[in-house]
Amino acid sequence: MIVRSLDRDHARRQLASQASARTTPVSPGAVSGRCRGRRGGAGGPCTADVQPICCCDPAGAATVLLVEPHRPRRHRGRRAAHPRRRPHARTHRREPDVSAVLSWPRPAGRVPGRVDGQAARTDAVVRTGAVVLLWCALLLVSYWWAAGGGVQDLSGTAGGLTSAGRLTGLLASLLLLVQVLLMARLPVLERAYGQDRLARHHRIVGLVSFDLLLAHLVLITWGYADGALSRTPATLWELTVDYPGMLLAVAGTACLVMVVVTSVRAARRRLRYESWHLLHLYAYLGVGLALPHQLWTGQEFLDSRAATVFWWGLWAASAGAVLVWRLGLPVWRNARHRLRVAAVVPEDDGVVSVHLTGRRLDRLSASAGQFFTWRFLAGPGWTRGHPYSLSAAPDGRSLRITVKDLGDGSRALGAVRPGTRVLAEGPYGRLSARARSRPKVAFLAAGVGVTPLRALAEELPYAPGDAVLLYRFRDRPLFADELTALARQRGLQVLWLPGPRRAPDSWLGAGVGDADDRTLLTAWVPDLADRDVYVCGPEAWADEVRRTTSAAGVPADRVHVESFGW
């Protein structure tokens, strides 16, 4: 592979000519450079097979690096040296030392091969099936309510209030259990949705179920008070004290109120992630306390054998899913793999990489791009989990995460000592090879969000030139040496985008020109609409990227984003 240094003028003309051929103009400030040729050569235009990988070098110098992807040839026997072949001359820039960057064995999946997209299609079927099952369950519950006289009871005031309260209670109960299943770490749902999407659905379902729960409480109490608002406080007290399970239901409702209040965005911003996560676990207690009164006294639970089996079965399935997948599997995996810190390596100001080892890591079933929830047993605060992505492809012997100091518990990782025991829950996430459906891929990263994409660029199968990374960073990029090594060894194209964001509604950095985001993106990656696009960065930045990729014609199901904003 040949690395050439370019001056600004020629690279600007080269990209502009390529863009004009695609009828998509590019700002003159987009990229820059001119080929100098090899030592002793006159220089000149770059050939068509040279692919741009950098709009500037990682340090911000005014150069462009172009890489000719290596194209292996098949030979029979020993080939004589070409009489005009000359050894590669050194460029004027000394390349970084990358001798140890990819020293571990590569997984076999990194050999370029056929991408059939079967896993992505299977996950799409699972998502469709989950939605159909939810609607069927909602209709079934509504049918049982109607068959039990719920519609006829709406004719009277007190009976109508009570009947409406029963319906809202049934729907609230169903959605509460669905909410539990969404975050029970069921493998089939984790693979199909990814934890960030499950968390968003969990939030929406949770708010709807909470509203229905409050409506149930008000309507039932009002109905039992014969429609007299003045009697509702006394009626609520009588129901709480006299009816089986109602005292537990009130305590469970109080837990759910606390969870919902702390999940409102205004309150969520004031809490550390770890504190919010710990409080959020009270939702399990709330659901467990709120539902038994319906199982014991509810008319719809007692009058129909099918309804009784349905509700008890759904409750048992939800509890079993939490016990097996949320609690049992992590405990078993940690006992089996016994993760420990092997080394802590500073990468940049406030950024460290933590290397971990353990037993039988080849059976952990982790893939590049996935994340774990980590707990480092190094003193106070170990009970609080931290979600961090793998920053290197797992090799069966070690794992690596790279963490930026954000003040939410990540600051202490720089002082973690080798040998520290680590509890890990995972792997989770759909930002992996499983989501891929196209031979070509594009990675768009910002800041420390490059960590899972760097691992994906190492593990995914692709031919030289079929993968491109656009990397936004403010001062210095992470893994500059490793990304350069991937460009040399795998043919990864890397486009460095340094500097602050040029505008609040743009995901690009200053200095790329005045053209809009879509024009620049399609100029750099002209076949973007035919690629899978992996995105990782701050949530607001990722939203701008998604808007740009949508405008560029990339289907939403081929834009894969992982966010820890939940």
Protein backbone atom coordinates (compact mmCIF):
# COMPACT_ATOMS: atom_id res chain seq x y z
CA MET A 1 0.00 0.00 0.00
CA ILE A 2 1.37 3.41 -0.97
CA VAL A 3 0.85 6.51 1.15
CA ARG A 4 1.26 9.81 -0.69
CA SER A 5 1.34 13.34 0.61
CA LEU A 6 -0.72 15.91 -1.27
CA ASP A 7 -0.77 19.69 -1.38
CA ARG A 8 -4.05 21.57 -0.95
CA ASP A 9 -4.71 22.78 -4.49
CA HIS A 10 -4.65 19.45 -6.29
CA ALA A 11 -6.86 17.57 -3.78
CA ARG A 12 -9.35 20.41 -3.99
CA ARG A 13 -9.43 20.15 -7.79
CA GLN A 14 -9.56 16.33 -7.65
CA LEU A 15 -12.55 16.14 -5.30
CA ALA A 16 -14.31 18.96 -7.14
CA SER A 17 -13.91 17.13 -10.47
CA GLN A 18 -15.20 13.89 -8.93
CA ALA A 19 -18.15 15.73 -7.42
CA SER A 20 -19.01 17.53 -10.69
CA ALA A 21 -19.08 14.18 -12.46
CA ARG A 22 -21.70 13.13 -9.91
CA THR A 23 -23.62 16.43 -10.43
CA THR A 24 -23.04 17.22 -6.75
CA PRO A 25 -20.82 20.30 -6.29
CA VAL A 26 -18.38 20.45 -3.41
CA SER A 27 -17.20 23.55 -1.64
CA PRO A 28 -13.63 24.54 -2.57
CA GLY A 29 -12.73 24.34 1.10
CA ALA A 30 -13.91 20.78 1.52
CA VAL A 31 -10.55 19.06 1.11
CA SER A 32 -7.13 19.93 -0.19
CA GLY A 33 -3.86 18.57 -1.65
CA ARG A 34 -1.57 17.80 -4.64
CA CYS A 35 0.47 14.68 -5.35
CA ARG A 36 4.20 15.23 -5.14
CA GLY A 37 5.07 11.82 -6.58
CA ARG A 38 7.93 9.67 -5.41
CA ARG A 39 11.39 10.85 -4.74
CA GLY A 40 12.85 12.26 -7.90
CA GLY A 41 9.47 12.41 -9.66
CA ALA A 42 7.78 15.50 -10.98
CA GLY A 43 4.47 14.81 -9.30
CA GLY A 44 1.12 15.43 -10.87
CA PRO A 45 -2.45 14.25 -10.89
CA CYS A 46 -3.48 11.24 -8.82
CA THR A 47 -4.73 8.15 -10.59
CA ALA A 48 -8.34 7.03 -10.27
CA ASP A 49 -7.53 4.11 -8.01
CA VAL A 50 -6.11 6.37 -5.30
CA GLN A 51 -8.70 6.88 -2.57
CA PRO A 52 -8.75 9.90 -0.22
CA ILE A 53 -8.55 8.92 3.41
CA CYS A 54 -7.78 12.20 5.15
CA CYS A 55 -8.88 15.79 4.69
CA CYS A 56 -6.05 16.72 7.02
CA ASP A 57 -3.67 14.80 9.16
CA PRO A 58 -4.70 14.07 12.75
CA ALA A 59 -2.52 16.85 14.10
CA GLY A 60 -4.28 19.40 11.93
CA ALA A 61 -1.48 20.01 9.40
CA ALA A 62 -2.44 21.28 5.95
CA THR A 63 -1.98 17.99 4.12
CA VAL A 64 -4.10 15.25 2.66
CA LEU A 65 -3.12 11.59 2.81
CA LEU A 66 -4.20 9.32 -0.03
CA VAL A 67 -3.93 5.56 0.11
CA GLU A 68 -3.82 3.13 -2.77
CA PRO A 69 -5.68 0.04 -1.51
CA HIS A 70 -3.64 -3.12 -1.77
CA ARG A 71 -4.99 -5.43 -4.50
CA PRO A 72 -3.65 -8.96 -4.02
CA ARG A 73 -2.89 -11.00 -7.15
CA ARG A 74 -2.70 -14.72 -7.65
CA HIS A 75 0.58 -16.03 -9.04
CA ARG A 76 1.81 -19.43 -10.13
CA GLY A 77 5.29 -20.12 -8.94
CA ARG A 78 7.94 -17.50 -8.30
CA ARG A 79 7.56 -14.22 -10.10
CA ALA A 80 10.62 -12.46 -11.40
CA ALA A 81 11.14 -8.90 -10.27
CA HIS A 82 9.98 -6.28 -12.72
CA PRO A 83 13.01 -4.67 -14.37
CA ARG A 84 11.64 -1.17 -13.81
CA ARG A 85 10.39 -1.82 -10.28
CA ARG A 86 11.95 0.46 -7.68
CA PRO A 87 11.73 0.17 -3.91
CA HIS A 88 9.10 2.36 -2.30
CA ALA A 89 10.59 5.66 -1.37
CA ARG A 90 9.82 7.26 1.95
CA THR A 91 7.45 10.19 2.00
CA HIS A 92 8.43 13.44 3.62
CA ARG A 93 6.21 12.55 6.62
CA ARG A 94 7.40 9.92 9.10
CA GLU A 95 4.56 7.48 9.65
CA PRO A 96 3.58 6.59 13.23
CA ASP A 97 4.75 3.36 14.77
CA VAL A 98 1.93 0.87 14.31
CA SER A 99 3.85 -2.34 14.95
CA ALA A 100 1.78 -3.33 17.98
CA VAL A 101 -1.60 -1.89 17.03
CA LEU A 102 -3.03 -5.06 15.50
CA SER A 103 -0.73 -7.59 17.10
CA TRP A 104 -3.53 -9.87 18.36
CA PRO A 105 -4.89 -12.56 16.00
CA ARG A 106 -7.63 -11.40 13.71
CA PRO A 107 -10.98 -13.16 13.97
CA ALA A 108 -11.76 -15.24 10.93
CA GLY A 109 -14.79 -13.06 10.17
CA ARG A 110 -12.55 -10.21 9.14
CA VAL A 111 -11.69 -11.86 5.85
CA PRO A 112 -13.73 -10.13 3.11
CA GLY A 113 -16.71 -12.29 2.30
CA ARG A 114 -20.31 -12.32 1.21
CA VAL A 115 -22.82 -10.29 3.22
CA ASP A 116 -26.29 -11.80 2.82
CA GLY A 117 -28.18 -9.69 5.39
CA GLN A 118 -30.06 -12.74 6.74
CA ALA A 119 -29.61 -11.67 10.36
CA ALA A 120 -30.95 -8.19 9.59
CA ARG A 121 -34.02 -9.67 7.88
CA THR A 122 -34.62 -12.03 10.80
CA ASP A 123 -34.49 -9.12 13.23
CA ALA A 124 -36.99 -7.19 11.09
CA VAL A 125 -39.40 -10.15 11.28
CA VAL A 126 -38.98 -10.25 15.08
CA ARG A 127 -39.77 -6.53 15.35
CA THR A 128 -42.90 -6.92 13.23
CA GLY A 129 -43.99 -9.96 15.24
CA ALA A 130 -43.51 -8.12 18.54
CA VAL A 131 -45.77 -5.27 17.41
CA VAL A 132 -48.44 -7.71 16.20
CA LEU A 133 -48.36 -9.61 19.50
CA LEU A 134 -48.73 -6.38 21.48
CA TRP A 135 -51.80 -5.28 19.52
CA CYS A 136 -53.33 -8.76 19.80
CA ALA A 137 -52.85 -8.67 23.59
CA LEU A 138 -54.43 -5.21 23.84
CA LEU A 139 -57.43 -6.32 21.77
CA LEU A 140 -57.79 -9.54 23.77
CA VAL A 141 -57.84 -7.67 27.09
CA SER A 142 -60.37 -5.19 25.71
CA TYR A 143 -62.53 -8.08 24.47
CA TRP A 144 -62.60 -9.71 27.90
CA TRP A 145 -63.61 -6.39 29.43
CA ALA A 146 -66.44 -5.97 26.91
CA ALA A 147 -67.56 -9.60 27.27
CA GLY A 148 -67.80 -9.10 31.03
CA GLY A 149 -70.38 -6.35 30.62
CA GLY A 150 -68.00 -3.43 30.44
CA VAL A 151 -69.79 -1.73 27.55
CA GLN A 152 -73.26 -2.08 29.12
CA ASP A 153 -72.02 -0.68 32.43
CA LEU A 154 -71.04 2.58 30.72
CA SER A 155 -74.70 3.63 30.62
CA GLY A 156 -74.83 4.63 34.29
CA THR A 157 -72.76 7.27 36.10
CA ALA A 158 -71.28 5.25 38.93
CA GLY A 159 -71.20 2.02 36.94
CA GLY A 160 -69.69 3.80 33.95
CA LEU A 161 -66.90 5.30 36.05
CA THR A 162 -66.15 1.91 37.60
CA SER A 163 -66.24 0.14 34.22
CA ALA A 164 -63.91 2.71 32.64
CA GLY A 165 -61.64 2.33 35.66
CA ARG A 166 -61.52 -1.44 35.13
CA LEU A 167 -60.55 -1.02 31.46
CA THR A 168 -57.80 1.50 32.22
CA GLY A 169 -56.53 -0.78 34.98
CA LEU A 170 -56.38 -3.78 32.64
CA LEU A 171 -54.54 -1.84 29.95
CA ALA A 172 -52.19 -0.33 32.54
CA SER A 173 -51.40 -3.80 33.92
CA LEU A 174 -50.66 -5.19 30.47
CA LEU A 175 -48.39 -2.29 29.53
CA LEU A 176 -46.58 -2.46 32.88
CA LEU A 177 -45.68 -6.09 32.17
CA VAL A 178 -44.69 -5.21 28.60
CA GLN A 179 -42.49 -2.50 30.07
CA VAL A 180 -40.76 -5.10 32.24
CA LEU A 181 -40.24 -7.45 29.29
CA LEU A 182 -38.72 -4.66 27.19
CA MET A 183 -35.88 -4.20 29.68
CA ALA A 184 -35.55 -7.81 30.85
CA ARG A 185 -32.61 -8.31 28.45
CA LEU A 186 -34.42 -10.96 26.41
CA PRO A 187 -31.85 -12.00 23.78
CA VAL A 188 -34.36 -12.11 20.93
CA LEU A 189 -35.44 -8.51 21.63
CA GLU A 190 -31.89 -7.30 22.31
CA ARG A 191 -30.75 -8.60 18.94
CA ALA A 192 -33.74 -7.23 17.06
CA TYR A 193 -33.97 -3.76 18.62
CA GLY A 194 -30.80 -2.91 20.50
CA GLN A 195 -30.93 -1.65 24.05
CA ASP A 196 -31.22 2.05 23.18
CA ARG A 197 -34.35 1.48 21.07
CA LEU A 198 -35.77 -0.82 23.71
CA ALA A 199 -35.14 1.90 26.29
CA ARG A 200 -37.00 4.47 24.17
CA HIS A 201 -39.96 2.10 23.74
CA HIS A 202 -39.74 1.31 27.45
CA ARG A 203 -40.00 5.02 28.24
CA ILE A 204 -43.01 5.57 25.97
CA VAL A 205 -44.83 2.48 27.22
CA GLY A 206 -43.99 3.46 30.79
CA LEU A 207 -45.49 6.94 30.48
CA VAL A 208 -48.66 5.59 28.84
CA SER A 209 -49.06 2.87 31.47
CA PHE A 210 -48.50 5.40 34.26
CA ASP A 211 -51.21 7.69 32.87
CA LEU A 212 -53.58 4.73 32.61
CA LEU A 213 -52.69 3.70 36.16
CA LEU A 214 -53.58 7.15 37.52
CA ALA A 215 -56.80 7.14 35.49
CA HIS A 216 -57.63 3.72 36.92
CA LEU A 217 -57.08 4.95 40.47
CA VAL A 218 -59.23 8.07 40.00
CA LEU A 219 -62.06 6.43 38.05
CA ILE A 220 -62.39 3.38 40.32
CA THR A 221 -62.42 5.51 43.47
CA TRP A 222 -64.87 7.98 41.96
CA GLY A 223 -67.13 5.16 40.81
CA TYR A 224 -67.14 3.45 44.23
CA ALA A 225 -68.05 6.84 45.71
CA ASP A 226 -71.21 6.81 43.50
CA GLY A 227 -69.89 9.73 41.45
CA ALA A 228 -69.60 12.10 44.43
CA LEU A 229 -66.22 13.82 44.35
CA SER A 230 -66.51 14.88 47.99
CA ARG A 231 -66.60 11.24 49.08
CA THR A 232 -63.57 10.07 47.06
CA PRO A 233 -60.90 10.58 49.80
CA ALA A 234 -62.88 8.53 52.32
CA THR A 235 -63.65 5.91 49.68
CA LEU A 236 -59.97 5.64 48.74
CA TRP A 237 -59.09 5.04 52.39
CA GLU A 238 -61.75 2.34 52.71
CA LEU A 239 -60.55 0.60 49.54
CA THR A 240 -56.94 0.71 50.73
CA VAL A 241 -57.68 -0.73 54.15
CA ASP A 242 -60.49 -3.20 53.42
CA TYR A 243 -59.71 -4.74 50.00
CA PRO A 244 -57.05 -7.49 49.66
CA GLY A 245 -53.82 -6.32 48.13
CA MET A 246 -54.77 -2.63 48.01
CA LEU A 247 -52.20 -1.57 50.60
CA LEU A 248 -49.50 -3.20 48.49
CA ALA A 249 -50.93 -1.50 45.39
CA VAL A 250 -50.67 1.93 47.01
CA ALA A 251 -47.03 1.28 47.96
CA GLY A 252 -46.31 0.05 44.43
CA THR A 253 -47.95 3.12 42.92
CA ALA A 254 -45.76 5.34 45.13
CA CYS A 255 -42.65 3.55 43.79
CA LEU A 256 -43.82 4.05 40.20
CA VAL A 257 -44.51 7.75 40.85
CA MET A 258 -40.94 8.18 42.12
CA VAL A 259 -39.53 6.44 39.04
CA VAL A 260 -41.60 8.54 36.63
CA VAL A 261 -40.76 11.83 38.36
CA THR A 262 -37.02 11.11 38.27
CA SER A 263 -37.30 10.11 34.60
CA VAL A 264 -38.68 13.47 33.49
CA ARG A 265 -36.00 15.19 31.42
CA ALA A 266 -35.66 18.17 33.76
CA ALA A 267 -35.04 15.88 36.74
CA ARG A 268 -33.01 13.40 34.69
CA ARG A 269 -30.46 16.08 33.79
CA ARG A 270 -29.85 16.81 37.46
CA LEU A 271 -29.08 13.20 38.33
CA ARG A 272 -25.97 11.23 37.57
CA TYR A 273 -26.61 8.23 35.35
CA GLU A 274 -25.67 5.81 38.11
CA SER A 275 -28.04 7.44 40.63
CA TRP A 276 -30.88 7.50 38.12
CA HIS A 277 -30.26 3.87 37.20
CA LEU A 278 -30.35 2.82 40.86
CA LEU A 279 -33.64 4.68 41.45
CA HIS A 280 -35.07 3.22 38.26
CA LEU A 281 -34.75 -0.29 39.68
CA TYR A 282 -37.60 0.56 42.05
CA ALA A 283 -39.90 0.15 39.03
CA TYR A 284 -39.59 -3.62 39.47
CA LEU A 285 -40.72 -3.30 43.08
CA GLY A 286 -43.57 -1.03 42.04
CA VAL A 287 -44.86 -3.43 39.40
CA GLY A 288 -44.54 -6.38 41.77
CA LEU A 289 -46.58 -4.60 44.44
CA ALA A 290 -49.20 -3.01 42.18
CA LEU A 291 -50.42 -6.06 40.25
CA PRO A 292 -51.39 -8.66 42.92
CA HIS A 293 -54.61 -6.86 43.93
CA GLN A 294 -55.94 -7.36 40.40
CA LEU A 295 -54.98 -11.03 40.37
CA TRP A 296 -56.78 -11.56 43.69
CA THR A 297 -59.93 -9.42 43.33
CA GLY A 298 -60.34 -8.28 39.72
CA GLN A 299 -63.56 -9.38 38.02
CA GLU A 300 -61.84 -10.02 34.68
CA PHE A 301 -59.27 -12.23 36.40
CA LEU A 302 -61.80 -14.39 38.23
CA ASP A 303 -64.75 -14.79 35.82
CA SER A 304 -62.85 -16.32 32.87
CA ARG A 305 -60.51 -19.30 33.08
CA ALA A 306 -58.76 -18.19 29.88
CA ALA A 307 -58.23 -14.70 31.29
CA THR A 308 -56.92 -16.14 34.55
CA VAL A 309 -54.41 -18.33 32.72
CA PHE A 310 -53.39 -15.42 30.48
CA TRP A 311 -52.73 -12.97 33.30
CA TRP A 312 -50.97 -15.42 35.61
CA GLY A 313 -48.92 -16.71 32.68
CA LEU A 314 -47.91 -13.20 31.60
CA TRP A 315 -47.00 -12.23 35.14
CA ALA A 316 -44.94 -15.41 35.60
CA ALA A 317 -43.22 -14.96 32.22
CA SER A 318 -42.24 -11.38 33.09
CA ALA A 319 -40.89 -12.38 36.50
CA GLY A 320 -39.07 -15.36 35.01
CA ALA A 321 -37.50 -13.23 32.26
CA VAL A 322 -36.11 -10.82 34.85
CA LEU A 323 -34.79 -13.61 37.06
CA VAL A 324 -33.16 -15.52 34.20
CA TRP A 325 -31.87 -12.86 31.80
CA ARG A 326 -31.50 -9.79 34.01
CA LEU A 327 -30.11 -11.52 37.10
CA GLY A 328 -29.23 -15.16 36.51
CA LEU A 329 -27.30 -14.92 33.24
CA PRO A 330 -25.01 -12.03 34.37
CA VAL A 331 -24.23 -13.86 37.62
CA TRP A 332 -23.39 -17.06 35.74
CA ARG A 333 -21.23 -15.27 33.17
CA ASN A 334 -19.26 -13.38 35.79
CA ALA A 335 -18.64 -16.57 37.75
CA ARG A 336 -17.52 -18.28 34.56
CA HIS A 337 -15.28 -15.60 33.01
CA ARG A 338 -13.84 -13.84 36.12
CA LEU A 339 -12.85 -10.59 34.45
CA ARG A 340 -9.95 -8.58 35.85
CA VAL A 341 -8.19 -5.38 34.87
CA ALA A 342 -4.95 -6.15 33.05
CA ALA A 343 -3.78 -2.61 32.34
CA VAL A 344 -4.95 1.01 32.25
CA VAL A 345 -3.43 3.00 29.39
CA PRO A 346 -3.82 6.80 29.02
CA GLU A 347 -4.89 7.69 25.47
CA ASP A 348 -5.39 11.46 25.72
CA ASP A 349 -6.25 14.14 28.25
CA GLY A 350 -9.08 12.64 30.28
CA VAL A 351 -9.28 9.47 28.14
CA VAL A 352 -8.03 6.05 29.23
CA SER A 353 -8.22 2.54 27.79
CA VAL A 354 -8.89 -0.30 30.22
CA HIS A 355 -7.65 -3.72 29.12
CA LEU A 356 -9.35 -6.73 30.71
CA THR A 357 -8.59 -10.42 30.77
CA GLY A 358 -10.46 -13.44 32.06
CA ARG A 359 -11.25 -17.09 31.50
CA ARG A 360 -12.83 -18.54 28.35
CA LEU A 361 -13.46 -15.16 26.79
CA ASP A 362 -13.84 -16.88 23.43
CA ARG A 363 -17.19 -18.17 24.76
CA LEU A 364 -18.43 -14.75 25.82
CA SER A 365 -20.12 -14.26 22.42
CA ALA A 366 -19.12 -10.61 22.26
CA SER A 367 -18.86 -8.78 18.95
CA ALA A 368 -17.17 -5.55 17.96
CA GLY A 369 -19.44 -2.55 18.50
CA GLN A 370 -21.32 -4.06 21.43
CA PHE A 371 -21.20 -2.75 24.98
CA PHE A 372 -21.30 -4.06 28.52
CA THR A 373 -22.49 -2.51 31.76
CA TRP A 374 -19.33 -2.50 33.88
CA ARG A 375 -18.85 -2.49 37.64
CA PHE A 376 -15.28 -2.17 38.90
CA LEU A 377 -14.83 -3.60 42.40
CA ALA A 378 -12.41 -0.89 43.44
CA GLY A 379 -14.10 0.82 46.36
CA PRO A 380 -17.26 2.85 46.96
CA GLY A 381 -19.68 3.12 44.07
CA TRP A 382 -19.03 -0.35 42.66
CA THR A 383 -22.77 -1.08 42.67
CA ARG A 384 -23.34 1.57 40.00
CA GLY A 385 -23.10 0.28 36.45
CA HIS A 386 -21.39 2.13 33.59
CA PRO A 387 -22.26 1.30 29.94
CA TYR A 388 -19.08 1.35 27.81
CA SER A 389 -18.55 -0.06 24.32
CA LEU A 390 -15.68 -2.31 23.31
CA SER A 391 -13.03 -0.22 21.56
CA ALA A 392 -11.22 -3.20 20.01
CA ALA A 393 -12.53 -6.34 18.37
CA PRO A 394 -12.62 -9.14 20.98
CA ASP A 395 -9.95 -11.74 20.26
CA GLY A 396 -11.01 -14.44 22.73
CA ARG A 397 -8.23 -13.53 25.15
CA SER A 398 -8.85 -9.92 26.18
CA LEU A 399 -11.31 -7.03 26.01
CA ARG A 400 -10.70 -3.30 25.81
CA ILE A 401 -12.86 -0.31 26.61
CA THR A 402 -11.92 3.34 26.18
CA VAL A 403 -13.51 5.89 28.49
CA LYS A 404 -13.61 9.67 28.57
CA ASP A 405 -13.79 11.49 31.89
CA LEU A 406 -17.35 12.83 32.01
CA GLY A 407 -17.51 13.10 35.79
CA ASP A 408 -20.21 10.42 36.19
CA GLY A 409 -17.96 7.77 37.68
CA SER A 410 -15.68 7.50 34.66
CA ARG A 411 -13.09 9.72 36.34
CA ALA A 412 -12.12 6.99 38.79
CA LEU A 413 -11.21 4.52 36.04
CA GLY A 414 -7.85 6.18 35.50
CA ALA A 415 -6.83 5.11 39.00
CA VAL A 416 -8.05 1.52 38.80
CA ARG A 417 -5.23 -0.90 39.56
CA PRO A 418 -4.35 -3.99 37.53
CA GLY A 419 -5.87 -7.08 39.10
CA THR A 420 -9.10 -5.33 40.09
CA ARG A 421 -12.11 -7.63 39.75
CA VAL A 422 -14.76 -6.50 37.27
CA LEU A 423 -18.42 -7.43 36.99
CA ALA A 424 -19.80 -7.12 33.47
CA GLU A 425 -23.38 -7.38 32.23
CA GLY A 426 -23.68 -8.04 28.51
CA PRO A 427 -22.83 -8.04 25.69
CA TYR A 428 -25.63 -5.79 24.48
CA GLY A 429 -26.28 -3.54 21.54
CA ARG A 430 -27.09 -3.81 17.87
CA LEU A 431 -24.24 -1.65 16.59
CA SER A 432 -22.56 -4.77 15.27
CA ALA A 433 -22.14 -6.95 12.21
CA ARG A 434 -25.60 -8.40 12.82
CA ALA A 435 -27.27 -5.18 11.64
CA ARG A 436 -25.35 -5.15 8.36
CA SER A 437 -27.12 -5.86 5.06
CA ARG A 438 -24.81 -4.30 2.42
CA PRO A 439 -21.24 -5.14 1.30
CA LYS A 440 -20.12 -1.52 1.75
CA VAL A 441 -20.23 0.40 5.02
CA ALA A 442 -19.75 3.97 6.21
CA PHE A 443 -18.80 4.87 9.78
CA LEU A 444 -19.61 8.34 11.15
CA ALA A 445 -18.10 9.10 14.55
CA ALA A 446 -17.67 12.08 16.85
CA GLY A 447 -15.22 12.30 19.74
CA VAL A 448 -15.03 9.24 21.96
CA GLY A 449 -17.91 7.81 19.90
CA VAL A 450 -15.24 6.44 17.58
CA THR A 451 -14.56 3.59 20.02
CA PRO A 452 -17.20 1.06 18.84
CA LEU A 453 -16.69 2.06 15.20
CA ARG A 454 -12.94 1.52 15.45
CA ALA A 455 -13.67 -2.01 16.71
CA LEU A 456 -16.17 -2.58 13.89
CA ALA A 457 -13.66 -1.39 11.30
CA GLU A 458 -11.30 -4.04 12.60
CA GLU A 459 -13.78 -6.93 12.69
CA LEU A 460 -16.24 -6.44 9.81
CA PRO A 461 -15.49 -8.18 6.52
CA TYR A 462 -14.98 -5.73 3.65
CA ALA A 463 -12.80 -5.37 0.59
CA PRO A 464 -10.20 -2.56 0.42
CA GLY A 465 -12.02 0.70 -0.24
CA ASP A 466 -15.46 -0.64 0.74
CA ALA A 467 -15.39 0.91 4.23
CA VAL A 468 -15.02 4.63 4.99
CA LEU A 469 -14.77 6.37 8.36
CA LEU A 470 -15.67 10.06 8.79
CA TYR A 471 -14.28 11.11 12.15
CA ARG A 472 -15.22 14.41 13.81
CA PHE A 473 -13.09 15.59 16.72
CA ARG A 474 -12.29 18.92 18.33
CA ASP A 475 -8.56 18.83 19.14
CA ARG A 476 -6.87 15.44 18.72
CA PRO A 477 -8.33 12.18 17.43
CA LEU A 478 -8.33 8.96 19.40
CA PHE A 479 -6.59 5.92 17.93
CA ALA A 480 -4.83 7.85 15.15
CA ASP A 481 -2.12 5.19 14.89
CA GLU A 482 -4.60 2.33 14.98
CA LEU A 483 -6.85 3.86 12.32
CA THR A 484 -3.82 4.50 10.13
CA ALA A 485 -2.85 0.85 10.57
CA LEU A 486 -6.35 -0.26 9.58
CA ALA A 487 -6.11 1.95 6.50
CA ARG A 488 -2.81 0.32 5.54
CA GLN A 489 -3.74 -3.27 6.35
CA ARG A 490 -7.46 -3.41 5.55
CA GLY A 491 -7.98 -0.60 3.03
CA LEU A 492 -10.17 1.45 5.38
CA GLN A 493 -10.66 5.01 4.11
CA VAL A 494 -10.43 7.59 6.90
CA LEU A 495 -11.60 11.18 6.58
CA TRP A 496 -10.44 13.37 9.48
CA LEU A 497 -12.79 16.27 10.34
CA PRO A 498 -11.13 18.37 13.06
CA GLY A 499 -12.29 21.50 14.84
CA PRO A 500 -15.48 22.65 16.54
CA ARG A 501 -18.87 22.27 14.89
CA ARG A 502 -19.38 24.91 12.24
CA ALA A 503 -23.03 25.54 13.20
CA PRO A 504 -25.54 24.27 15.77
CA ASP A 505 -27.55 22.55 13.02
CA SER A 506 -24.51 20.94 11.39
CA TRP A 507 -22.61 17.83 12.43
CA LEU A 508 -19.50 18.85 10.47
CA GLY A 509 -16.49 20.74 11.73
CA ALA A 510 -15.38 24.22 10.79
CA GLY A 511 -13.14 24.50 7.75
CA VAL A 512 -14.91 22.12 5.39
CA GLY A 513 -16.46 24.88 3.29
CA ASP A 514 -19.86 26.48 2.90
CA ALA A 515 -21.72 23.63 1.18
CA ASP A 516 -24.53 22.01 3.14
CA ASP A 517 -24.01 18.77 5.05
CA ARG A 518 -25.75 16.55 2.51
CA THR A 519 -23.72 17.92 -0.41
CA LEU A 520 -20.43 17.37 1.39
CA LEU A 521 -21.37 13.92 2.65
CA THR A 522 -22.43 12.66 -0.79
CA ALA A 523 -19.29 14.19 -2.30
CA TRP A 524 -17.07 12.30 0.12
CA VAL A 525 -19.14 9.09 -0.09
CA PRO A 526 -20.95 9.18 -3.46
CA ASP A 527 -22.51 5.72 -3.06
CA LEU A 528 -23.73 6.41 0.49
CA ALA A 529 -27.29 5.31 -0.33
CA ASP A 530 -25.98 1.81 -1.13
CA ARG A 531 -24.10 1.40 2.18
CA ASP A 532 -24.90 0.49 5.74
CA VAL A 533 -24.21 3.55 7.90
CA TYR A 534 -23.00 3.16 11.50
CA VAL A 535 -23.22 6.29 13.66
CA CYS A 536 -21.91 6.91 17.18
CA GLY A 537 -21.51 10.21 18.97
CA PRO A 538 -23.39 12.66 21.20
CA GLU A 539 -27.15 12.33 20.86
CA ALA A 540 -27.77 15.78 19.34
CA TRP A 541 -24.90 15.27 16.88
CA ALA A 542 -26.21 11.84 15.90
CA ASP A 543 -29.67 13.31 15.26
CA GLU A 544 -28.14 15.78 12.78
CA VAL A 545 -26.30 12.92 11.08
CA ARG A 546 -29.53 10.95 10.72
CA ARG A 547 -31.26 13.93 9.14
CA THR A 548 -28.39 14.26 6.66
CA THR A 549 -28.32 10.57 5.76
CA SER A 550 -32.09 10.62 5.27
CA ALA A 551 -31.76 13.58 2.90
CA ALA A 552 -29.00 11.68 1.09
CA GLY A 553 -31.36 8.78 0.40
CA VAL A 554 -30.19 6.24 2.98
CA PRO A 555 -33.15 4.15 4.24
CA ALA A 556 -33.73 4.47 7.97
CA ASP A 557 -33.30 0.72 8.51
CA ARG A 558 -29.72 0.96 7.21
CA VAL A 559 -28.67 3.75 9.58
CA HIS A 560 -27.50 2.07 12.79
CA VAL A 561 -27.14 4.35 15.82
CA GLU A 562 -26.27 3.47 19.40
CA SER A 563 -27.00 6.00 22.11
CA PHE A 564 -26.54 5.86 25.87
CA GLY A 565 -28.83 8.86 26.41
CA TRP A 566 -31.40 6.62 28.11
